[in-house]
């Protein structure tokens, strides 16, 4: 099956984060990147990005990574930014 992949820049625009943030998420395992076998660039599966967007939109479905209670801080407010993925064209 032919899967759709997005570049680092495309994903950073979709999620509204910097490319450096995506690299850090790749290192931490939050959003895994695949490497292009020719140039070793990071590529992200469309399905993985869509899942992350879904988790951001519906935080109750997102798995909790820490046992600490969430408080309203600037860091946690970043995840409340509405994110829209372009619909796939047939």
C-alpha atoms as a PDB file:
ATOM      1  CA  UNK A   1       0.000   0.000   0.000  1.00  0.00           C
ATOM      2  CA  UNK A   2       1.351   3.402  -0.960  1.00  0.00           C
ATOM      3  CA  UNK A   3       1.434   5.594   2.152  1.00  0.00           C
ATOM      4  CA  UNK A   4       1.514   9.370   2.060  1.00  0.00           C
ATOM      5  CA  UNK A   5       4.476  11.091   3.710  1.00  0.00           C
ATOM      6  CA  UNK A   6       4.933  14.733   4.670  1.00  0.00           C
ATOM      7  CA  UNK A   7       8.158  16.722   4.911  1.00  0.00           C
ATOM      8  CA  UNK A   8       9.443  18.329   8.097  1.00  0.00           C
ATOM      9  CA  UNK A   9       8.391  21.754   6.817  1.00  0.00           C
ATOM     10  CA  UNK A  10       4.877  20.615   5.876  1.00  0.00           C
ATOM     11  CA  UNK A  11       4.275  19.072   9.297  1.00  0.00           C
ATOM     12  CA  UNK A  12       5.668  22.111  11.116  1.00  0.00           C
ATOM     13  CA  UNK A  13       3.204  24.340   9.221  1.00  0.00           C
ATOM     14  CA  UNK A  14       0.269  21.991   9.881  1.00  0.00           C
ATOM     15  CA  UNK A  15       0.993  21.757  13.619  1.00  0.00           C
ATOM     16  CA  UNK A  16       2.168  25.349  14.054  1.00  0.00           C
ATOM     17  CA  UNK A  17       5.480  24.368  15.635  1.00  0.00           C
ATOM     18  CA  UNK A  18       9.082  24.916  14.579  1.00  0.00           C
ATOM     19  CA  UNK A  19      11.091  22.264  12.741  1.00  0.00           C
ATOM     20  CA  UNK A  20      13.339  22.068  15.812  1.00  0.00           C
ATOM     21  CA  UNK A  21      10.326  21.090  17.921  1.00  0.00           C
ATOM     22  CA  UNK A  22       9.553  18.270  15.485  1.00  0.00           C
ATOM     23  CA  UNK A  23      13.150  17.067  15.685  1.00  0.00           C
ATOM     24  CA  UNK A  24      12.888  17.037  19.482  1.00  0.00           C
ATOM     25  CA  UNK A  25       9.579  15.150  19.305  1.00  0.00           C
ATOM     26  CA  UNK A  26      11.269  12.615  17.034  1.00  0.00           C
ATOM     27  CA  UNK A  27      14.077  12.111  19.568  1.00  0.00           C
ATOM     28  CA  UNK A  28      11.599  11.763  22.451  1.00  0.00           C
ATOM     29  CA  UNK A  29       9.278   9.461  20.490  1.00  0.00           C
ATOM     30  CA  UNK A  30       6.246  11.747  20.562  1.00  0.00           C
ATOM     31  CA  UNK A  31       6.063  11.879  16.754  1.00  0.00           C
ATOM     32  CA  UNK A  32       8.360   9.421  15.024  1.00  0.00           C
ATOM     33  CA  UNK A  33       9.980  10.364  11.756  1.00  0.00           C
ATOM     34  CA  UNK A  34      11.005   8.027   8.980  1.00  0.00           C
ATOM     35  CA  UNK A  35      14.169   8.668   7.004  1.00  0.00           C
ATOM     36  CA  UNK A  36      14.264   9.034   3.251  1.00  0.00           C
ATOM     37  CA  UNK A  37      16.673   6.321   2.061  1.00  0.00           C
ATOM     38  CA  UNK A  38      18.197   8.589  -0.585  1.00  0.00           C
ATOM     39  CA  UNK A  39      18.878  11.824   1.310  1.00  0.00           C
ATOM     40  CA  UNK A  40      18.190  10.813   4.967  1.00  0.00           C
ATOM     41  CA  UNK A  41      15.650  13.647   5.404  1.00  0.00           C
ATOM     42  CA  UNK A  42      12.945  13.224   8.022  1.00  0.00           C
ATOM     43  CA  UNK A  43       9.554  12.273   6.624  1.00  0.00           C
ATOM     44  CA  UNK A  44       6.354  11.877   8.637  1.00  0.00           C
ATOM     45  CA  UNK A  45       3.484   9.517   7.888  1.00  0.00           C
ATOM     46  CA  UNK A  46       0.267  11.411   7.178  1.00  0.00           C
ATOM     47  CA  UNK A  47      -1.644   9.008   9.458  1.00  0.00           C
ATOM     48  CA  UNK A  48       0.733   9.704  12.378  1.00  0.00           C
ATOM     49  CA  UNK A  49       0.312  13.467  11.963  1.00  0.00           C
ATOM     50  CA  UNK A  50      -3.474  13.097  11.726  1.00  0.00           C
ATOM     51  CA  UNK A  51      -3.466  11.017  14.946  1.00  0.00           C
ATOM     52  CA  UNK A  52      -1.456  13.693  16.745  1.00  0.00           C
ATOM     53  CA  UNK A  53      -3.842  16.411  15.525  1.00  0.00           C
ATOM     54  CA  UNK A  54      -6.739  14.311  16.816  1.00  0.00           C
ATOM     55  CA  UNK A  55      -5.044  13.983  20.214  1.00  0.00           C
ATOM     56  CA  UNK A  56      -4.448  17.739  20.326  1.00  0.00           C
ATOM     57  CA  UNK A  57      -8.091  18.462  19.475  1.00  0.00           C
ATOM     58  CA  UNK A  58      -9.402  15.866  21.953  1.00  0.00           C
ATOM     59  CA  UNK A  59      -6.975  15.891  24.906  1.00  0.00           C
ATOM     60  CA  UNK A  60      -9.083  13.392  26.851  1.00  0.00           C
ATOM     61  CA  UNK A  61      -8.096  10.743  24.275  1.00  0.00           C
ATOM     62  CA  UNK A  62      -4.376  11.549  24.498  1.00  0.00           C
ATOM     63  CA  UNK A  63      -2.331   9.206  26.686  1.00  0.00           C
ATOM     64  CA  UNK A  64      -0.950  10.851  29.813  1.00  0.00           C
ATOM     65  CA  UNK A  65       2.841  10.965  29.784  1.00  0.00           C
ATOM     66  CA  UNK A  66       3.259  12.193  33.353  1.00  0.00           C
ATOM     67  CA  UNK A  67       1.517  11.673  36.665  1.00  0.00           C
ATOM     68  CA  UNK A  68       1.660  15.396  37.473  1.00  0.00           C
ATOM     69  CA  UNK A  69      -1.653  17.269  37.418  1.00  0.00           C
ATOM     70  CA  UNK A  70      -1.982  19.660  34.491  1.00  0.00           C
ATOM     71  CA  UNK A  71      -2.145  23.319  35.284  1.00  0.00           C
ATOM     72  CA  UNK A  72      -2.943  26.157  32.915  1.00  0.00           C
ATOM     73  CA  UNK A  73       0.473  27.394  31.818  1.00  0.00           C
ATOM     74  CA  UNK A  74       1.774  28.880  28.605  1.00  0.00           C
ATOM     75  CA  UNK A  75       3.325  25.508  27.754  1.00  0.00           C
ATOM     76  CA  UNK A  76       0.041  23.613  28.068  1.00  0.00           C
ATOM     77  CA  UNK A  77      -1.927  26.326  26.270  1.00  0.00           C
ATOM     78  CA  UNK A  78       0.072  25.715  23.093  1.00  0.00           C
ATOM     79  CA  UNK A  79      -1.875  22.487  22.580  1.00  0.00           C
ATOM     80  CA  UNK A  80      -5.198  24.347  22.487  1.00  0.00           C
ATOM     81  CA  UNK A  81      -4.429  26.012  19.163  1.00  0.00           C
ATOM     82  CA  UNK A  82      -6.891  24.751  16.527  1.00  0.00           C
ATOM     83  CA  UNK A  83      -5.160  22.724  13.843  1.00  0.00           C
ATOM     84  CA  UNK A  84      -6.630  21.965  10.448  1.00  0.00           C
ATOM     85  CA  UNK A  85      -5.284  19.313   8.100  1.00  0.00           C
ATOM     86  CA  UNK A  86      -5.904  19.784   4.423  1.00  0.00           C
ATOM     87  CA  UNK A  87      -8.342  17.186   3.161  1.00  0.00           C
ATOM     88  CA  UNK A  88      -6.903  14.496   0.959  1.00  0.00           C
ATOM     89  CA  UNK A  89      -7.729  14.993  -2.677  1.00  0.00           C
ATOM     90  CA  UNK A  90      -8.761  11.914  -4.627  1.00  0.00           C
END
